[in-house]
Structures are given as C-alpha cells and as structure tokens.
Amino acid sequence: MVSLSQEGTIKKLLNNPDTIIAESLDGLVAAHGDILMLDGNRKFVRRKVLKPGKVALVSGGGSGHEPLHTGFVGEGMLDAACPGQVFTSPTPDQMQEAVVAVDSGAGVLLVVKNYEGDVMNFEMAAELSGAKIARVLTDDDVAVDRAGTGRRGVAGTLVVEKIVGAAAEEGRDLMSLKALGDGVNAVTRSMGVALSSCTVPAVGRPTFEIGDGEMEFGVGIHGEPGRRRDSLKSADDIAEEICATIVNDMGRLQGKPALLLVNGFGGTPLMELYLMYNSARRMLEREGVVIARSLVGSLVTSLDMAGCSITLSLLDEEKLRLWDAPVHTAALRW
C-alpha cells in the first residue's frame, strides 16, 4: 500500500489506513500472547495475568509512539495501556474500562504525559471509574518553557514507568508510588532533534516541511515545532547543545549518578543512535556526571521521523535498584 503526497510516493506497510492501529494491536498481542491480552473492542492492552493486591499502573496516549505505551505492558512496568488514534489522546471510556479491568482493590496509578488532551481525558476517566486513583504527570521536555500548559512529557515517561513499575511489583501502596513517580519525573530531563518529518498513514504526506540541510531543534514527539529551525550540524554539536541545555536546567551535577537514554524517533538507524550516545556521554562526563546506567534504542518514537532525543535521569541508590529490577514486556526486558 502506498500513500501519495505532493513530494512523491510515501510507502507504508499497511492494508488500510483506517485499520492500521487495530491490526497492529492484533499483531502485538499475537506475538506476545504469553504476557499480553487485548480487550474485545481493542480499547486497551493489559497484562494477561494480574497480580492480586498490587497497585495497578495504567498509561496511554496516541498511537505512533510505539513501543510506548503498549510495548511496556507486563511484569515490572504497566498493567494496562490505552492506545488512541495516531497522535490523539485515548478517550475517557477507554481509560475507564482499562482502570476497572486491572484494579485489584489496591488502587490505580495513572502515568500521564503532559498534553492537554491526555490530561483532560485521564481526569474524566478517573472520575467515571470510581476507583481509588492517583496520578503522575510527566513533563521532562526542556525544549519547552514551563509557562502556560507547562513542559511536554516525552521519553522520560519510560523511566517513570520502569522505576515505579518495579516498586509496584514489590507491593508498595498507591501514595508512596505516586511520590516515587513524582520524584523520578522531577530529576529527569529530555530534549530532541528532528532531521525529517513524520508521516501519519491516513494523511500520506509529511506533517511538516524541513529542508535537506535543516534540522528542527527541540522538536516534540508529535512533530510539534521545536526551539528553532537550524542548519544541519554534526552529531557532536547536536549532543553538545542538547546536553548543555539539560545540564543548565538541572543545575550542578558533579559526581551524581544518572541514567543516559538515547532514544530514536523511528527513522534513525541504531548505528547513529549509538554514535549519538557516545557524543552525549563524553559531554556529560566532562560535566562530572557519572553515567551509572544506559539505554539506547527507538523506544518513544514519532512514526518514521528521523532524529533522536537525549534523556538524563538522576539515580539515587533506591532508583538504581528499581531500574535494575526484573522487567518482562514486549519491548523492554531483563
């Protein structure tokens, strides 16, 4: 199947743009049927076997960011994830049904990225469900000023889900998990750069235009405009500016252990992501940051966008232990 744009032919592996999400979810659950199940109306993906008495973790957001969030459902992370349409928040009824399906009586923690639609719909779902609910709002994107609606939740959301998910497996109560999640978010910063646009399957043309010799600094995971349009720079220069922005925002980091996550947006080869990791690590170590843990891969994507983001999350002894705790999901496992 091909979609046509003014710029030429954009090729996609699909049968019909209207059914791509449903068919993708069917494939996800078929491939990982040992750990996942899909509700009858494809409103959410949940763990196949729930753990009685455990606080349930539920997240979600627009499709197109896979493996976020459905790929992180499983032992040690989420209990359920609600996929919306491409780059569109899931509906309140999706989230309400997911909450009810995985609530074992200990309460439900919602992990919500700071986008207006997600925040509003998750709040409505919490009111409708009648369950005991708390919320962690992720807002790690330093490319955005805190004024107005605040910063966007981007790749740092994965870090929150992993660390809080591990603590939930240990049997911690709802409010202690919320405090932990808020704490992880508070010491996590991200920033991205795009080398190309992304293409929504139903639209068939790039979301935004960008020249061959240009890049978008501080781009959002839906293709939102970044800080500025600039000429294409070297990997070292890109990493230098992103890491400097993160370090300046976080303050003095000398001697502090951290997780360094280099995340691809969907159209960047792993070879280039490791190259970016190497550049970012060198710059951060010059600032005295101790890279205690690392993660590299396309984990919070923007369909087929070329580019990447860099995330730094500070790790104390507890967070380090929880990051290392076992996890078994479709996209992340150790």
Protein backbone atom coordinates (compact mmCIF):
# COMPACT_ATOMS: atom_id res chain seq x y z
CA MET A 1 0.00 0.00 0.00
CA VAL A 2 1.33 3.45 -0.87
CA SER A 3 0.15 6.90 0.06
CA LEU A 4 0.75 9.78 -2.30
CA SER A 5 1.97 13.20 -1.28
CA GLN A 6 2.91 16.30 -3.22
CA GLU A 7 6.54 15.37 -2.73
CA GLY A 8 6.12 11.93 -4.28
CA THR A 9 5.29 8.43 -3.15
CA ILE A 10 5.50 7.53 0.55
CA LYS A 11 5.50 3.79 1.03
CA LYS A 12 3.90 2.20 4.09
CA LEU A 13 3.39 -1.41 5.11
CA LEU A 14 -0.37 -1.37 5.61
CA ASN A 15 -3.64 -2.73 4.28
CA ASN A 16 -5.88 0.22 5.01
CA PRO A 17 -5.03 3.44 6.90
CA ASP A 18 -8.33 3.13 8.78
CA THR A 19 -7.45 -0.27 10.26
CA ILE A 20 -3.70 0.06 10.83
CA ILE A 21 -3.97 0.53 14.62
CA ALA A 22 -6.38 -2.37 15.13
CA GLU A 23 -4.29 -4.72 13.00
CA SER A 24 -1.08 -3.62 14.72
CA LEU A 25 -2.60 -4.31 18.16
CA ASP A 26 -3.75 -7.74 16.98
CA GLY A 27 -0.20 -8.48 15.87
CA LEU A 28 1.33 -7.22 19.12
CA VAL A 29 -0.85 -9.44 21.27
CA ALA A 30 -0.48 -12.43 18.95
CA ALA A 31 3.31 -12.12 19.10
CA HIS A 32 3.35 -11.74 22.89
CA GLY A 33 0.35 -13.81 23.90
CA ASP A 34 2.25 -15.26 26.85
CA ILE A 35 2.17 -11.89 28.65
CA LEU A 36 -0.49 -9.73 26.93
CA MET A 37 -4.18 -9.72 26.13
CA LEU A 38 -6.40 -7.30 24.25
CA ASP A 39 -9.89 -6.37 25.36
CA GLY A 40 -12.68 -7.33 22.98
CA ASN A 41 -13.10 -3.88 21.47
CA ARG A 42 -9.36 -3.15 21.24
CA LYS A 43 -9.68 -0.32 23.74
CA PHE A 44 -6.66 -1.35 25.79
CA VAL A 45 -3.84 -3.86 26.14
CA ARG A 46 -3.39 -5.44 29.58
CA ARG A 47 -1.25 -7.94 31.38
CA LYS A 48 -2.53 -11.44 30.81
CA VAL A 49 -2.02 -12.40 34.45
CA LEU A 50 -2.69 -9.72 37.04
CA LYS A 51 -1.01 -9.75 40.44
CA PRO A 52 -3.63 -9.73 43.24
CA GLY A 53 -3.28 -6.95 45.78
CA LYS A 54 -0.87 -4.91 43.65
CA VAL A 55 -1.42 -1.26 42.77
CA ALA A 56 -2.14 -1.22 39.03
CA LEU A 57 -0.25 1.09 36.67
CA VAL A 58 -2.17 2.43 33.67
CA SER A 59 -0.93 4.74 30.95
CA GLY A 60 -1.71 5.55 27.37
CA GLY A 61 -1.58 8.11 24.61
CA GLY A 62 -1.79 8.49 20.90
CA SER A 63 -0.58 5.69 18.66
CA GLY A 64 2.53 6.31 16.59
CA HIS A 65 4.95 6.32 19.53
CA GLU A 66 5.41 2.56 19.74
CA PRO A 67 6.61 0.79 21.74
CA LEU A 68 5.33 3.47 24.15
CA HIS A 69 2.93 2.59 25.81
CA THR A 70 1.55 -0.80 24.78
CA GLY A 71 5.02 -2.28 24.43
CA PHE A 72 5.69 -1.58 28.11
CA VAL A 73 2.79 -3.61 29.49
CA GLY A 74 3.97 -6.57 31.52
CA GLU A 75 5.76 -7.63 34.68
CA GLY A 76 7.70 -4.77 36.21
CA MET A 77 6.01 -1.98 34.26
CA LEU A 78 2.42 -1.25 33.22
CA ASP A 79 -0.69 -3.31 33.89
CA ALA A 80 -2.62 -1.70 31.03
CA ALA A 81 -2.13 0.82 28.24
CA CYS A 82 -4.72 2.61 26.13
CA PRO A 83 -3.79 3.45 22.52
CA GLY A 84 -5.55 6.40 20.94
CA GLN A 85 -5.67 7.18 17.25
CA VAL A 86 -2.38 8.37 15.75
CA PHE A 87 -1.10 11.32 17.83
CA THR A 88 -4.53 11.59 19.50
CA SER A 89 -5.35 11.00 23.14
CA PRO A 90 -7.33 7.87 24.02
CA THR A 91 -10.91 8.53 25.03
CA PRO A 92 -12.12 8.61 28.65
CA ASP A 93 -14.16 5.42 28.19
CA GLN A 94 -11.04 3.54 27.03
CA MET A 95 -9.18 4.56 30.15
CA GLN A 96 -12.13 3.96 32.44
CA GLU A 97 -12.54 0.40 31.16
CA ALA A 98 -8.80 -0.24 31.48
CA VAL A 99 -8.81 1.02 35.08
CA VAL A 100 -11.74 -1.20 36.00
CA ALA A 101 -10.18 -4.24 34.28
CA VAL A 102 -6.87 -4.11 36.16
CA ASP A 103 -7.89 -2.67 39.56
CA SER A 104 -7.40 -5.40 42.13
CA GLY A 105 -8.54 -3.22 45.03
CA ALA A 106 -5.20 -1.61 45.93
CA GLY A 107 -5.80 1.39 43.68
CA VAL A 108 -4.60 2.56 40.29
CA LEU A 109 -1.75 4.90 39.43
CA LEU A 110 -2.14 6.78 36.14
CA VAL A 111 1.04 7.83 34.35
CA VAL A 112 0.06 10.77 32.15
CA LYS A 113 2.18 12.75 29.68
CA ASN A 114 1.62 16.50 29.95
CA TYR A 115 -0.51 17.09 26.87
CA GLU A 116 -3.84 18.87 27.19
CA GLY A 117 -5.91 16.05 25.69
CA ASP A 118 -4.24 13.32 27.75
CA VAL A 119 -4.59 15.29 30.99
CA MET A 120 -8.26 16.11 30.41
CA ASN A 121 -9.30 12.62 29.30
CA PHE A 122 -7.42 10.82 32.08
CA GLU A 123 -9.06 13.13 34.64
CA MET A 124 -12.51 12.33 33.23
CA ALA A 125 -11.74 8.61 33.29
CA ALA A 126 -10.65 8.81 36.92
CA GLU A 127 -13.93 10.48 37.87
CA LEU A 128 -16.01 7.97 35.92
CA SER A 129 -14.28 4.85 37.22
CA GLY A 130 -14.94 5.40 40.92
CA ALA A 131 -11.65 3.66 41.70
CA LYS A 132 -9.00 4.79 44.16
CA ILE A 133 -6.70 6.68 41.79
CA ALA A 134 -3.55 8.81 41.90
CA ARG A 135 -1.69 10.43 39.01
CA VAL A 136 1.90 11.10 37.99
CA LEU A 137 2.27 13.80 35.34
CA THR A 138 5.45 13.61 33.24
CA ASP A 139 6.91 16.87 31.89
CA ASP A 140 10.56 16.22 31.09
CA ASP A 141 10.97 18.16 27.81
CA VAL A 142 13.39 21.06 28.47
CA ALA A 143 12.82 22.42 24.96
CA VAL A 144 9.54 23.89 26.22
CA ASP A 145 9.18 26.73 28.71
CA ARG A 146 7.30 25.93 31.92
CA ALA A 147 4.86 28.82 31.33
CA GLY A 148 1.33 28.15 30.09
CA THR A 149 0.46 24.45 29.96
CA GLY A 150 3.99 23.51 31.01
CA ARG A 151 6.51 21.14 29.54
CA ARG A 152 5.67 18.14 27.40
CA GLY A 153 6.01 14.58 28.65
CA VAL A 154 8.35 12.69 26.32
CA ALA A 155 10.93 9.88 26.64
CA GLY A 156 11.34 10.40 30.39
CA THR A 157 7.91 8.80 30.72
CA LEU A 158 9.55 5.43 30.08
CA VAL A 159 11.91 5.97 33.02
CA VAL A 160 8.99 6.77 35.34
CA GLU A 161 7.06 3.70 34.19
CA LYS A 162 10.04 1.38 34.71
CA ILE A 163 11.07 2.58 38.16
CA VAL A 164 7.54 2.93 39.53
CA GLY A 165 6.55 -0.36 37.92
CA ALA A 166 9.32 -2.16 39.78
CA ALA A 167 8.23 -0.60 43.07
CA ALA A 168 4.62 -1.64 42.43
CA GLU A 169 5.78 -5.25 41.97
CA GLU A 170 7.24 -5.03 45.48
CA GLY A 171 3.81 -4.25 46.88
CA ARG A 172 4.15 -0.56 47.70
CA ASP A 173 0.95 1.40 48.33
CA LEU A 174 -0.62 3.90 45.96
CA MET A 175 0.53 7.15 47.53
CA SER A 176 4.12 6.00 48.00
CA LEU A 177 4.19 5.04 44.31
CA LYS A 178 2.86 8.47 43.36
CA ALA A 179 5.55 10.13 45.45
CA LEU A 180 8.21 7.96 43.82
CA GLY A 181 6.91 8.72 40.32
CA ASP A 182 6.79 12.46 41.01
CA GLY A 183 10.33 12.21 42.35
CA VAL A 184 11.64 10.42 39.27
CA ASN A 185 9.98 12.93 36.97
CA ALA A 186 11.47 15.82 38.96
CA VAL A 187 15.04 14.63 38.25
CA THR A 188 14.50 13.68 34.59
CA ARG A 189 15.08 15.93 31.56
CA SER A 190 14.85 15.30 27.82
CA MET A 191 15.32 17.14 24.54
CA GLY A 192 15.03 16.03 20.92
CA VAL A 193 16.11 16.94 17.41
CA ALA A 194 14.40 16.03 14.13
CA LEU A 195 16.15 15.55 10.80
CA SER A 196 12.94 14.78 8.92
CA SER A 197 9.21 14.99 9.41
CA CYS A 198 6.93 12.08 10.26
CA THR A 199 4.11 10.84 8.05
CA VAL A 200 0.69 9.98 9.51
CA PRO A 201 -0.57 6.96 7.50
CA ALA A 202 -4.08 8.37 6.95
CA VAL A 203 -2.66 11.66 5.67
CA GLY A 204 0.08 10.30 3.46
CA ARG A 205 2.30 13.38 3.48
CA PRO A 206 4.87 14.80 5.89
CA THR A 207 3.48 16.54 8.98
CA PHE A 208 5.85 19.46 8.45
CA GLU A 209 8.36 20.53 5.82
CA ILE A 210 12.07 20.50 6.51
CA GLY A 211 14.85 21.08 4.01
CA ASP A 212 17.62 18.62 3.17
CA GLY A 213 20.20 20.70 5.01
CA GLU A 214 18.00 21.58 8.00
CA MET A 215 17.06 20.18 11.38
CA GLU A 216 14.43 21.09 13.99
CA PHE A 217 15.93 21.61 17.44
CA GLY A 218 13.68 20.75 20.39
CA VAL A 219 11.00 19.04 18.31
CA GLY A 220 8.07 17.32 20.06
CA ILE A 221 7.15 13.67 19.61
CA HIS A 222 4.09 14.64 17.55
CA GLY A 223 6.15 16.79 15.23
CA GLU A 224 5.41 19.99 17.15
CA PRO A 225 7.80 22.84 16.35
CA GLY A 226 10.95 22.97 18.40
CA ARG A 227 13.06 25.82 19.70
CA ARG A 228 14.30 26.74 16.25
CA ARG A 229 14.99 25.59 12.72
CA ASP A 230 18.73 25.36 12.09
CA SER A 231 21.23 24.12 9.54
CA LEU A 232 22.27 20.50 9.94
CA LYS A 233 25.12 20.11 12.42
CA SER A 234 27.45 17.30 13.43
CA ALA A 235 26.41 14.71 15.98
CA ASP A 236 28.90 16.16 18.47
CA ASP A 237 27.47 19.65 18.07
CA ILE A 238 23.89 18.39 18.43
CA ALA A 239 24.74 16.38 21.55
CA GLU A 240 26.69 19.32 22.98
CA GLU A 241 23.73 21.69 22.73
CA ILE A 242 21.14 19.22 23.98
CA CYS A 243 23.26 18.08 26.93
CA ALA A 244 24.22 21.66 27.81
CA THR A 245 20.53 22.61 27.88
CA ILE A 246 19.73 19.65 30.14
CA VAL A 247 22.65 20.32 32.48
CA ASN A 248 21.86 24.04 32.73
CA ASP A 249 18.26 23.22 33.62
CA MET A 250 19.14 20.61 36.23
CA GLY A 251 21.91 22.54 37.95
CA ARG A 252 25.16 21.23 39.37
CA LEU A 253 25.59 17.54 38.52
CA GLN A 254 29.20 16.93 39.58
CA GLY A 255 29.57 13.37 40.88
CA LYS A 256 25.88 12.50 40.52
CA PRO A 257 24.98 9.06 39.09
CA ALA A 258 22.48 9.09 36.24
CA LEU A 259 20.74 7.08 33.55
CA LEU A 260 21.53 8.21 30.00
CA LEU A 261 18.84 7.31 27.47
CA VAL A 262 19.34 7.99 23.76
CA ASN A 263 16.01 7.41 22.06
CA GLY A 264 15.33 7.14 18.33
CA PHE A 265 12.22 8.68 16.79
CA GLY A 266 11.54 5.76 14.46
CA GLY A 267 13.56 6.54 11.35
CA THR A 268 17.11 6.57 12.73
CA PRO A 269 19.42 3.54 12.45
CA LEU A 270 20.79 2.07 15.66
CA MET A 271 24.30 2.80 14.40
CA GLU A 272 23.55 6.53 14.53
CA LEU A 273 21.90 6.27 17.95
CA TYR A 274 24.99 4.65 19.45
CA LEU A 275 27.10 7.35 17.83
CA MET A 276 24.89 9.97 19.50
CA TYR A 277 25.18 8.12 22.80
CA ASN A 278 28.96 8.26 22.52
CA SER A 279 28.85 12.01 21.90
CA ALA A 280 26.40 12.66 24.74
CA ARG A 281 28.29 10.50 27.22
CA ARG A 282 31.58 12.30 26.56
CA MET A 283 29.97 15.71 27.05
CA LEU A 284 28.15 14.73 30.24
CA GLU A 285 31.22 13.11 31.76
CA ARG A 286 33.10 16.37 31.18
CA GLU A 287 30.42 17.98 33.35
CA GLY A 288 31.11 15.44 36.08
CA VAL A 289 28.00 13.31 35.56
CA VAL A 290 28.52 9.64 36.45
CA ILE A 291 26.75 7.53 33.81
CA ALA A 292 25.59 4.65 36.00
CA ARG A 293 23.11 3.10 33.56
CA SER A 294 22.46 3.41 29.82
CA LEU A 295 19.67 2.64 27.38
CA VAL A 296 19.79 3.12 23.60
CA GLY A 297 17.04 2.36 21.10
CA SER A 298 13.85 3.52 19.41
CA LEU A 299 11.53 3.37 22.42
CA VAL A 300 9.42 6.55 22.31
CA THR A 301 9.01 7.18 18.61
CA SER A 302 7.25 9.55 16.27
CA LEU A 303 6.23 7.17 13.49
CA ASP A 304 9.00 7.36 10.85
CA MET A 305 10.68 10.59 11.94
CA ALA A 306 14.47 10.69 11.64
CA GLY A 307 16.13 12.11 14.72
CA CYS A 308 16.55 11.33 18.37
CA SER A 309 16.16 12.59 21.91
CA ILE A 310 18.54 12.53 24.84
CA THR A 311 17.23 11.91 28.36
CA LEU A 312 19.14 12.23 31.62
CA SER A 313 17.61 10.90 34.84
CA LEU A 314 19.40 11.12 38.18
CA LEU A 315 19.64 7.87 40.13
CA ASP A 316 19.98 7.51 43.88
CA GLU A 317 20.50 4.07 45.45
CA GLU A 318 16.79 3.26 45.51
CA LYS A 319 16.11 4.35 41.93
CA LEU A 320 19.15 2.44 40.70
CA ARG A 321 17.94 -0.75 42.37
CA LEU A 322 14.45 -0.33 40.94
CA TRP A 323 15.80 0.37 37.46
CA ASP A 324 17.79 -2.88 37.66
CA ALA A 325 14.80 -4.90 38.90
CA PRO A 326 13.43 -7.56 36.52
CA VAL A 327 11.12 -6.44 33.74
CA HIS A 328 9.31 -8.54 31.14
CA THR A 329 7.40 -6.62 28.49
CA ALA A 330 7.21 -6.81 24.70
CA ALA A 331 9.79 -4.05 24.24
CA LEU A 332 11.84 -3.98 27.43
CA ARG A 333 13.04 -6.98 29.38
CA TRP A 334 15.90 -8.07 31.59
